[in-house]
Amino acid sequence: MNGVPRGAIVKGRVLSYANRTAFEGYDLPYPIHAVRSCSYLAKVSKVGGYDHARFSIKADLTLIDAVDGALFEKKVDLREDCDLMKEMNGSGEGCLVSGSLIDLDDLALRIIVSSLPIKATRPGSALPRGGDGYRVLSEEEKAAEKKESRNPAFDKIKDFDVGK
Protein backbone atom coordinates (compact mmCIF):
# COMPACT_ATOMS: atom_id res chain seq x y z
CA MET A 1 0.00 0.00 0.00
CA ASN A 2 1.27 3.42 -0.94
CA GLY A 3 -0.77 5.83 1.17
CA VAL A 4 -1.15 9.60 1.16
CA PRO A 5 -2.59 11.32 4.24
CA ARG A 6 -5.45 13.65 3.28
CA GLY A 7 -4.01 16.30 5.59
CA ALA A 8 -0.88 16.53 3.42
CA ILE A 9 -2.91 17.64 0.38
CA VAL A 10 -3.09 21.43 0.49
CA LYS A 11 -3.78 24.08 -2.10
CA GLY A 12 -0.68 25.20 -3.98
CA ARG A 13 1.40 22.06 -3.32
CA VAL A 14 1.82 19.08 -5.66
CA LEU A 15 2.90 15.81 -4.08
CA SER A 16 4.63 13.30 -6.38
CA TYR A 17 4.71 9.57 -5.72
CA ALA A 18 6.37 6.91 -7.85
CA ASN A 19 5.84 3.25 -7.14
CA ARG A 20 6.38 -0.23 -8.61
CA THR A 21 3.92 -2.90 -7.59
CA ALA A 22 2.33 -6.20 -8.61
CA PHE A 23 -0.66 -5.58 -6.28
CA GLU A 24 0.17 -8.42 -3.88
CA GLY A 25 -2.60 -8.69 -1.29
CA TYR A 26 -5.20 -7.04 -3.55
CA ASP A 27 -8.14 -8.95 -5.00
CA LEU A 28 -7.66 -8.79 -8.75
CA PRO A 29 -11.03 -8.38 -10.49
CA TYR A 30 -12.00 -10.13 -13.70
CA PRO A 31 -10.58 -10.09 -16.38
CA ILE A 32 -7.21 -9.64 -14.63
CA HIS A 33 -5.56 -12.96 -13.79
CA ALA A 34 -2.21 -11.49 -12.71
CA VAL A 35 -0.16 -8.31 -12.77
CA ARG A 36 3.40 -9.14 -13.79
CA SER A 37 4.59 -5.59 -13.17
CA CYS A 38 3.18 -2.13 -12.75
CA SER A 39 4.85 1.22 -12.29
CA TYR A 40 3.07 4.49 -11.84
CA LEU A 41 3.69 8.13 -11.13
CA ALA A 42 0.95 9.92 -9.21
CA LYS A 43 0.79 13.66 -8.67
CA VAL A 44 -1.65 14.58 -5.92
CA SER A 45 -2.87 18.13 -5.33
CA LYS A 46 -5.88 20.20 -4.35
CA VAL A 47 -7.96 21.39 -7.34
CA GLY A 48 -10.94 23.52 -6.44
CA GLY A 49 -12.66 21.85 -3.52
CA TYR A 50 -11.43 18.36 -4.37
CA ASP A 51 -8.31 16.36 -3.74
CA HIS A 52 -7.06 15.46 -7.21
CA ALA A 53 -4.68 12.81 -8.59
CA ARG A 54 -3.02 12.63 -11.99
CA PHE A 55 -1.74 9.14 -12.81
CA SER A 56 0.69 7.87 -15.40
CA ILE A 57 0.60 4.06 -15.35
CA LYS A 58 2.49 1.35 -17.25
CA ALA A 59 1.58 -2.26 -16.53
CA ASP A 60 2.14 -5.78 -17.89
CA LEU A 61 -1.00 -7.82 -17.26
CA THR A 62 -2.16 -11.39 -17.72
CA LEU A 63 -5.84 -11.35 -18.68
CA ILE A 64 -8.52 -14.02 -19.04
CA ASP A 65 -10.00 -14.28 -22.55
CA ALA A 66 -13.78 -13.78 -22.38
CA VAL A 67 -14.37 -16.22 -25.25
CA ASP A 68 -12.52 -19.35 -24.16
CA GLY A 69 -10.90 -18.57 -20.81
CA ALA A 70 -7.34 -18.77 -22.14
CA LEU A 71 -4.75 -16.49 -20.54
CA PHE A 72 -3.04 -13.82 -22.61
CA GLU A 73 -0.59 -10.97 -22.04
CA LYS A 74 -1.48 -7.28 -22.41
CA LYS A 75 0.51 -4.11 -21.83
CA VAL A 76 -1.25 -0.92 -20.80
CA ASP A 77 0.05 2.65 -20.85
CA LEU A 78 -2.45 5.04 -19.25
CA ARG A 79 -2.80 8.69 -18.33
CA GLU A 80 -5.74 9.49 -16.06
CA ASP A 81 -6.95 12.38 -13.91
CA CYS A 82 -9.43 11.76 -11.11
CA ASP A 83 -11.00 13.69 -8.27
CA LEU A 84 -10.72 11.94 -4.91
CA MET A 85 -14.08 12.37 -3.23
CA LYS A 86 -14.76 11.62 0.44
CA GLU A 87 -18.43 10.88 -0.27
CA MET A 88 -20.67 10.65 -3.28
CA ASN A 89 -22.47 13.80 -4.29
CA GLY A 90 -24.48 14.75 -7.34
CA SER A 91 -22.11 17.43 -8.61
CA GLY A 92 -18.84 15.61 -9.20
CA GLU A 93 -17.34 12.59 -10.85
CA GLY A 94 -14.35 10.85 -9.46
CA CYS A 95 -13.11 8.07 -7.24
CA LEU A 96 -14.71 7.52 -3.88
CA VAL A 97 -11.95 7.32 -1.28
CA SER A 98 -13.18 7.32 2.29
CA GLY A 99 -11.00 7.72 5.33
CA SER A 100 -7.99 9.85 6.10
CA LEU A 101 -5.49 7.82 4.04
CA ILE A 102 -5.63 7.62 0.21
CA ASP A 103 -4.33 4.28 -1.12
CA LEU A 104 -2.61 5.13 -4.42
CA ASP A 105 -2.04 1.45 -5.28
CA ASP A 106 -5.79 0.81 -5.02
CA LEU A 107 -6.52 3.84 -7.21
CA ALA A 108 -3.98 2.69 -9.81
CA LEU A 109 -5.60 -0.76 -9.90
CA ARG A 110 -9.08 0.79 -10.28
CA ILE A 111 -7.83 2.92 -13.19
CA ILE A 112 -6.31 -0.13 -14.90
CA VAL A 113 -9.54 -2.13 -14.50
CA SER A 114 -11.67 0.74 -15.81
CA SER A 115 -9.48 0.96 -18.94
CA LEU A 116 -10.07 -2.69 -19.88
CA PRO A 117 -12.98 -3.76 -22.08
CA ILE A 118 -15.85 -5.61 -20.40
CA LYS A 119 -15.15 -8.62 -22.62
CA ALA A 120 -11.37 -8.78 -22.97
CA THR A 121 -10.30 -10.99 -25.86
CA ARG A 122 -6.90 -11.82 -27.23
CA PRO A 123 -6.11 -11.16 -30.90
CA GLY A 124 -7.49 -13.96 -33.08
CA SER A 125 -9.82 -15.27 -30.38
CA ALA A 126 -12.97 -16.85 -31.82
CA LEU A 127 -15.93 -18.82 -30.57
CA PRO A 128 -15.72 -22.55 -31.14
CA ARG A 129 -18.05 -23.89 -33.85
CA GLY A 130 -19.20 -26.71 -31.61
CA GLY A 131 -18.31 -29.15 -28.90
CA ASP A 132 -19.67 -32.07 -26.90
CA GLY A 133 -23.45 -31.61 -26.88
CA TYR A 134 -23.59 -28.17 -28.48
CA ARG A 135 -22.95 -26.27 -31.69
CA VAL A 136 -22.82 -22.59 -32.57
CA LEU A 137 -25.06 -21.29 -35.38
CA SER A 138 -25.34 -17.91 -37.04
CA GLU A 139 -28.77 -16.26 -37.14
CA GLU A 140 -29.06 -17.21 -40.83
CA GLU A 141 -28.20 -20.87 -40.17
CA LYS A 142 -30.73 -21.01 -37.32
CA ALA A 143 -33.50 -19.51 -39.50
CA ALA A 144 -32.78 -21.96 -42.35
CA GLU A 145 -32.86 -24.96 -39.99
CA LYS A 146 -36.08 -23.76 -38.39
CA LYS A 147 -37.74 -23.36 -41.80
CA GLU A 148 -36.74 -26.89 -42.87
CA SER A 149 -37.55 -28.63 -39.60
CA ARG A 150 -40.83 -30.25 -38.67
CA ASN A 151 -42.40 -31.44 -35.46
CA PRO A 152 -43.27 -35.17 -35.62
CA ALA A 153 -46.02 -34.68 -33.04
CA PHE A 154 -48.10 -32.99 -35.72
CA ASP A 155 -47.67 -35.73 -38.36
CA LYS A 156 -51.04 -37.38 -37.49
CA ILE A 157 -52.98 -34.18 -38.13
CA LYS A 158 -51.25 -33.07 -41.32
CA ASP A 159 -53.95 -34.66 -43.47
CA PHE A 160 -56.81 -33.48 -41.24
CA ASP A 161 -59.54 -31.82 -43.25
CA VAL A 162 -61.69 -29.32 -41.34
CA GLY A 163 -64.44 -29.52 -43.95
CA LYS A 164 -65.30 -33.22 -43.39
C-alpha atoms as a PDB file:
ATOM      1  CA  MET A   1       0.000   0.000   0.000  1.00  0.00           C
ATOM      2  CA  ASN A   2       1.268   3.415  -0.941  1.00  0.00           C
ATOM      3  CA  GLY A   3      -0.772   5.829   1.174  1.00  0.00           C
ATOM      4  CA  VAL A   4      -1.146   9.601   1.160  1.00  0.00           C
ATOM      5  CA  PRO A   5      -2.594  11.316   4.240  1.00  0.00           C
ATOM      6  CA  ARG A   6      -5.448  13.651   3.280  1.00  0.00           C
ATOM      7  CA  GLY A   7      -4.011  16.305   5.587  1.00  0.00           C
ATOM      8  CA  ALA A   8      -0.878  16.528   3.422  1.00  0.00           C
ATOM      9  CA  ILE A   9      -2.907  17.641   0.382  1.00  0.00           C
ATOM     10  CA  VAL A  10      -3.088  21.430   0.491  1.00  0.00           C
ATOM     11  CA  LYS A  11      -3.785  24.082  -2.104  1.00  0.00           C
ATOM     12  CA  GLY A  12      -0.676  25.203  -3.979  1.00  0.00           C
ATOM     13  CA  ARG A  13       1.399  22.060  -3.317  1.00  0.00           C
ATOM     14  CA  VAL A  14       1.818  19.078  -5.661  1.00  0.00           C
ATOM     15  CA  LEU A  15       2.905  15.811  -4.079  1.00  0.00           C
ATOM     16  CA  SER A  16       4.630  13.298  -6.381  1.00  0.00           C
ATOM     17  CA  TYR A  17       4.713   9.566  -5.720  1.00  0.00           C
ATOM     18  CA  ALA A  18       6.366   6.914  -7.854  1.00  0.00           C
ATOM     19  CA  ASN A  19       5.838   3.248  -7.145  1.00  0.00           C
ATOM     20  CA  ARG A  20       6.377  -0.228  -8.610  1.00  0.00           C
ATOM     21  CA  THR A  21       3.916  -2.899  -7.585  1.00  0.00           C
ATOM     22  CA  ALA A  22       2.329  -6.203  -8.606  1.00  0.00           C
ATOM     23  CA  PHE A  23      -0.659  -5.583  -6.278  1.00  0.00           C
ATOM     24  CA  GLU A  24       0.167  -8.423  -3.878  1.00  0.00           C
ATOM     25  CA  GLY A  25      -2.600  -8.691  -1.292  1.00  0.00           C
ATOM     26  CA  TYR A  26      -5.196  -7.038  -3.550  1.00  0.00           C
ATOM     27  CA  ASP A  27      -8.140  -8.953  -4.999  1.00  0.00           C
ATOM     28  CA  LEU A  28      -7.661  -8.789  -8.750  1.00  0.00           C
ATOM     29  CA  PRO A  29     -11.029  -8.377 -10.485  1.00  0.00           C
ATOM     30  CA  TYR A  30     -12.005 -10.134 -13.703  1.00  0.00           C
ATOM     31  CA  PRO A  31     -10.584 -10.091 -16.382  1.00  0.00           C
ATOM     32  CA  ILE A  32      -7.214  -9.645 -14.633  1.00  0.00           C
ATOM     33  CA  HIS A  33      -5.561 -12.956 -13.788  1.00  0.00           C
ATOM     34  CA  ALA A  34      -2.212 -11.485 -12.707  1.00  0.00           C
ATOM     35  CA  VAL A  35      -0.157  -8.306 -12.772  1.00  0.00           C
ATOM     36  CA  ARG A  36       3.399  -9.137 -13.793  1.00  0.00           C
ATOM     37  CA  SER A  37       4.592  -5.590 -13.173  1.00  0.00           C
ATOM     38  CA  CYS A  38       3.183  -2.128 -12.750  1.00  0.00           C
ATOM     39  CA  SER A  39       4.852   1.215 -12.289  1.00  0.00           C
ATOM     40  CA  TYR A  40       3.068   4.490 -11.836  1.00  0.00           C
ATOM     41  CA  LEU A  41       3.687   8.129 -11.133  1.00  0.00           C
ATOM     42  CA  ALA A  42       0.947   9.916  -9.207  1.00  0.00           C
ATOM     43  CA  LYS A  43       0.786  13.660  -8.672  1.00  0.00           C
ATOM     44  CA  VAL A  44      -1.650  14.585  -5.918  1.00  0.00           C
ATOM     45  CA  SER A  45      -2.867  18.134  -5.329  1.00  0.00           C
ATOM     46  CA  LYS A  46      -5.877  20.202  -4.349  1.00  0.00           C
ATOM     47  CA  VAL A  47      -7.955  21.392  -7.340  1.00  0.00           C
ATOM     48  CA  GLY A  48     -10.940  23.518  -6.435  1.00  0.00           C
ATOM     49  CA  GLY A  49     -12.658  21.851  -3.520  1.00  0.00           C
ATOM     50  CA  TYR A  50     -11.434  18.358  -4.367  1.00  0.00           C
ATOM     51  CA  ASP A  51      -8.314  16.360  -3.740  1.00  0.00           C
ATOM     52  CA  HIS A  52      -7.065  15.457  -7.210  1.00  0.00           C
ATOM     53  CA  ALA A  53      -4.685  12.811  -8.587  1.00  0.00           C
ATOM     54  CA  ARG A  54      -3.024  12.628 -11.986  1.00  0.00           C
ATOM     55  CA  PHE A  55      -1.743   9.142 -12.805  1.00  0.00           C
ATOM     56  CA  SER A  56       0.687   7.874 -15.404  1.00  0.00           C
ATOM     57  CA  ILE A  57       0.598   4.059 -15.352  1.00  0.00           C
ATOM     58  CA  LYS A  58       2.489   1.346 -17.248  1.00  0.00           C
ATOM     59  CA  ALA A  59       1.579  -2.264 -16.526  1.00  0.00           C
ATOM     60  CA  ASP A  60       2.138  -5.777 -17.888  1.00  0.00           C
ATOM     61  CA  LEU A  61      -1.000  -7.825 -17.264  1.00  0.00           C
ATOM     62  CA  THR A  62      -2.161 -11.390 -17.717  1.00  0.00           C
ATOM     63  CA  LEU A  63      -5.842 -11.346 -18.682  1.00  0.00           C
ATOM     64  CA  ILE A  64      -8.521 -14.020 -19.044  1.00  0.00           C
ATOM     65  CA  ASP A  65     -10.003 -14.278 -22.552  1.00  0.00           C
ATOM     66  CA  ALA A  66     -13.781 -13.778 -22.380  1.00  0.00           C
ATOM     67  CA  VAL A  67     -14.369 -16.216 -25.249  1.00  0.00           C
ATOM     68  CA  ASP A  68     -12.521 -19.349 -24.163  1.00  0.00           C
ATOM     69  CA  GLY A  69     -10.896 -18.573 -20.807  1.00  0.00           C
ATOM     70  CA  ALA A  70      -7.340 -18.766 -22.142  1.00  0.00           C
ATOM     71  CA  LEU A  71      -4.747 -16.494 -20.545  1.00  0.00           C
ATOM     72  CA  PHE A  72      -3.035 -13.818 -22.614  1.00  0.00           C
ATOM     73  CA  GLU A  73      -0.595 -10.969 -22.037  1.00  0.00           C
ATOM     74  CA  LYS A  74      -1.480  -7.283 -22.410  1.00  0.00           C
ATOM     75  CA  LYS A  75       0.509  -4.107 -21.828  1.00  0.00           C
ATOM     76  CA  VAL A  76      -1.255  -0.917 -20.796  1.00  0.00           C
ATOM     77  CA  ASP A  77       0.046   2.648 -20.847  1.00  0.00           C
ATOM     78  CA  LEU A  78      -2.451   5.037 -19.249  1.00  0.00           C
ATOM     79  CA  ARG A  79      -2.804   8.693 -18.333  1.00  0.00           C
ATOM     80  CA  GLU A  80      -5.736   9.489 -16.055  1.00  0.00           C
ATOM     81  CA  ASP A  81      -6.952  12.376 -13.910  1.00  0.00           C
ATOM     82  CA  CYS A  82      -9.427  11.763 -11.114  1.00  0.00           C
ATOM     83  CA  ASP A  83     -11.000  13.687  -8.271  1.00  0.00           C
ATOM     84  CA  LEU A  84     -10.718  11.936  -4.905  1.00  0.00           C
ATOM     85  CA  MET A  85     -14.083  12.369  -3.230  1.00  0.00           C
ATOM     86  CA  LYS A  86     -14.763  11.622   0.442  1.00  0.00           C
ATOM     87  CA  GLU A  87     -18.431  10.883  -0.266  1.00  0.00           C
ATOM     88  CA  MET A  88     -20.671  10.650  -3.282  1.00  0.00           C
ATOM     89  CA  ASN A  89     -22.470  13.804  -4.290  1.00  0.00           C
ATOM     90  CA  GLY A  90     -24.479  14.753  -7.338  1.00  0.00           C
ATOM     91  CA  SER A  91     -22.112  17.425  -8.606  1.00  0.00           C
ATOM     92  CA  GLY A  92     -18.845  15.608  -9.204  1.00  0.00           C
ATOM     93  CA  GLU A  93     -17.338  12.588 -10.852  1.00  0.00           C
ATOM     94  CA  GLY A  94     -14.347  10.846  -9.465  1.00  0.00           C
ATOM     95  CA  CYS A  95     -13.111   8.071  -7.238  1.00  0.00           C
ATOM     96  CA  LEU A  96     -14.707   7.516  -3.876  1.00  0.00           C
ATOM     97  CA  VAL A  97     -11.954   7.319  -1.278  1.00  0.00           C
ATOM     98  CA  SER A  98     -13.182   7.325   2.293  1.00  0.00           C
ATOM     99  CA  GLY A  99     -10.999   7.723   5.333  1.00  0.00           C
ATOM    100  CA  SER A 100      -7.993   9.846   6.098  1.00  0.00           C
ATOM    101  CA  LEU A 101      -5.495   7.822   4.039  1.00  0.00           C
ATOM    102  CA  ILE A 102      -5.625   7.616   0.212  1.00  0.00           C
ATOM    103  CA  ASP A 103      -4.326   4.278  -1.118  1.00  0.00           C
ATOM    104  CA  LEU A 104      -2.612   5.129  -4.417  1.00  0.00           C
ATOM    105  CA  ASP A 105      -2.040   1.452  -5.278  1.00  0.00           C
ATOM    106  CA  ASP A 106      -5.793   0.811  -5.020  1.00  0.00           C
ATOM    107  CA  LEU A 107      -6.516   3.836  -7.214  1.00  0.00           C
ATOM    108  CA  ALA A 108      -3.976   2.688  -9.815  1.00  0.00           C
ATOM    109  CA  LEU A 109      -5.598  -0.759  -9.899  1.00  0.00           C
ATOM    110  CA  ARG A 110      -9.078   0.790 -10.282  1.00  0.00           C
ATOM    111  CA  ILE A 111      -7.832   2.919 -13.186  1.00  0.00           C
ATOM    112  CA  ILE A 112      -6.311  -0.132 -14.897  1.00  0.00           C
ATOM    113  CA  VAL A 113      -9.538  -2.135 -14.500  1.00  0.00           C
ATOM    114  CA  SER A 114     -11.666   0.741 -15.809  1.00  0.00           C
ATOM    115  CA  SER A 115      -9.484   0.958 -18.937  1.00  0.00           C
ATOM    116  CA  LEU A 116     -10.072  -2.687 -19.881  1.00  0.00           C
ATOM    117  CA  PRO A 117     -12.979  -3.757 -22.076  1.00  0.00           C
ATOM    118  CA  ILE A 118     -15.846  -5.610 -20.402  1.00  0.00           C
ATOM    119  CA  LYS A 119     -15.146  -8.622 -22.624  1.00  0.00           C
ATOM    120  CA  ALA A 120     -11.375  -8.781 -22.965  1.00  0.00           C
ATOM    121  CA  THR A 121     -10.299 -10.995 -25.856  1.00  0.00           C
ATOM    122  CA  ARG A 122      -6.902 -11.820 -27.234  1.00  0.00           C
ATOM    123  CA  PRO A 123      -6.113 -11.160 -30.902  1.00  0.00           C
ATOM    124  CA  GLY A 124      -7.494 -13.955 -33.079  1.00  0.00           C
ATOM    125  CA  SER A 125      -9.815 -15.270 -30.380  1.00  0.00           C
ATOM    126  CA  ALA A 126     -12.972 -16.847 -31.820  1.00  0.00           C
ATOM    127  CA  LEU A 127     -15.927 -18.816 -30.572  1.00  0.00           C
ATOM    128  CA  PRO A 128     -15.719 -22.555 -31.141  1.00  0.00           C
ATOM    129  CA  ARG A 129     -18.047 -23.888 -33.853  1.00  0.00           C
ATOM    130  CA  GLY A 130     -19.197 -26.715 -31.607  1.00  0.00           C
ATOM    131  CA  GLY A 131     -18.314 -29.153 -28.903  1.00  0.00           C
ATOM    132  CA  ASP A 132     -19.672 -32.065 -26.905  1.00  0.00           C
ATOM    133  CA  GLY A 133     -23.445 -31.612 -26.875  1.00  0.00           C
ATOM    134  CA  TYR A 134     -23.595 -28.171 -28.484  1.00  0.00           C
ATOM    135  CA  ARG A 135     -22.950 -26.270 -31.690  1.00  0.00           C
ATOM    136  CA  VAL A 136     -22.824 -22.592 -32.572  1.00  0.00           C
ATOM    137  CA  LEU A 137     -25.058 -21.289 -35.385  1.00  0.00           C
ATOM    138  CA  SER A 138     -25.338 -17.914 -37.038  1.00  0.00           C
ATOM    139  CA  GLU A 139     -28.766 -16.261 -37.144  1.00  0.00           C
ATOM    140  CA  GLU A 140     -29.064 -17.212 -40.826  1.00  0.00           C
ATOM    141  CA  GLU A 141     -28.202 -20.867 -40.167  1.00  0.00           C
ATOM    142  CA  LYS A 142     -30.727 -21.009 -37.324  1.00  0.00           C
ATOM    143  CA  ALA A 143     -33.505 -19.513 -39.503  1.00  0.00           C
ATOM    144  CA  ALA A 144     -32.780 -21.959 -42.352  1.00  0.00           C
ATOM    145  CA  GLU A 145     -32.858 -24.956 -39.986  1.00  0.00           C
ATOM    146  CA  LYS A 146     -36.083 -23.761 -38.393  1.00  0.00           C
ATOM    147  CA  LYS A 147     -37.736 -23.361 -41.801  1.00  0.00           C
ATOM    148  CA  GLU A 148     -36.743 -26.892 -42.873  1.00  0.00           C
ATOM    149  CA  SER A 149     -37.548 -28.630 -39.602  1.00  0.00           C
ATOM    150  CA  ARG A 150     -40.831 -30.255 -38.668  1.00  0.00           C
ATOM    151  CA  ASN A 151     -42.404 -31.438 -35.458  1.00  0.00           C
ATOM    152  CA  PRO A 152     -43.269 -35.167 -35.615  1.00  0.00           C
ATOM    153  CA  ALA A 153     -46.020 -34.683 -33.040  1.00  0.00           C
ATOM    154  CA  PHE A 154     -48.103 -32.989 -35.721  1.00  0.00           C
ATOM    155  CA  ASP A 155     -47.671 -35.731 -38.362  1.00  0.00           C
ATOM    156  CA  LYS A 156     -51.036 -37.382 -37.487  1.00  0.00           C
ATOM    157  CA  ILE A 157     -52.985 -34.177 -38.133  1.00  0.00           C
ATOM    158  CA  LYS A 158     -51.246 -33.067 -41.315  1.00  0.00           C
ATOM    159  CA  ASP A 159     -53.950 -34.664 -43.472  1.00  0.00           C
ATOM    160  CA  PHE A 160     -56.808 -33.481 -41.244  1.00  0.00           C
ATOM    161  CA  ASP A 161     -59.544 -31.823 -43.252  1.00  0.00           C
ATOM    162  CA  VAL A 162     -61.688 -29.324 -41.338  1.00  0.00           C
ATOM    163  CA  GLY A 163     -64.441 -29.521 -43.951  1.00  0.00           C
ATOM    164  CA  LYS A 164     -65.304 -33.219 -43.387  1.00  0.00           C
END
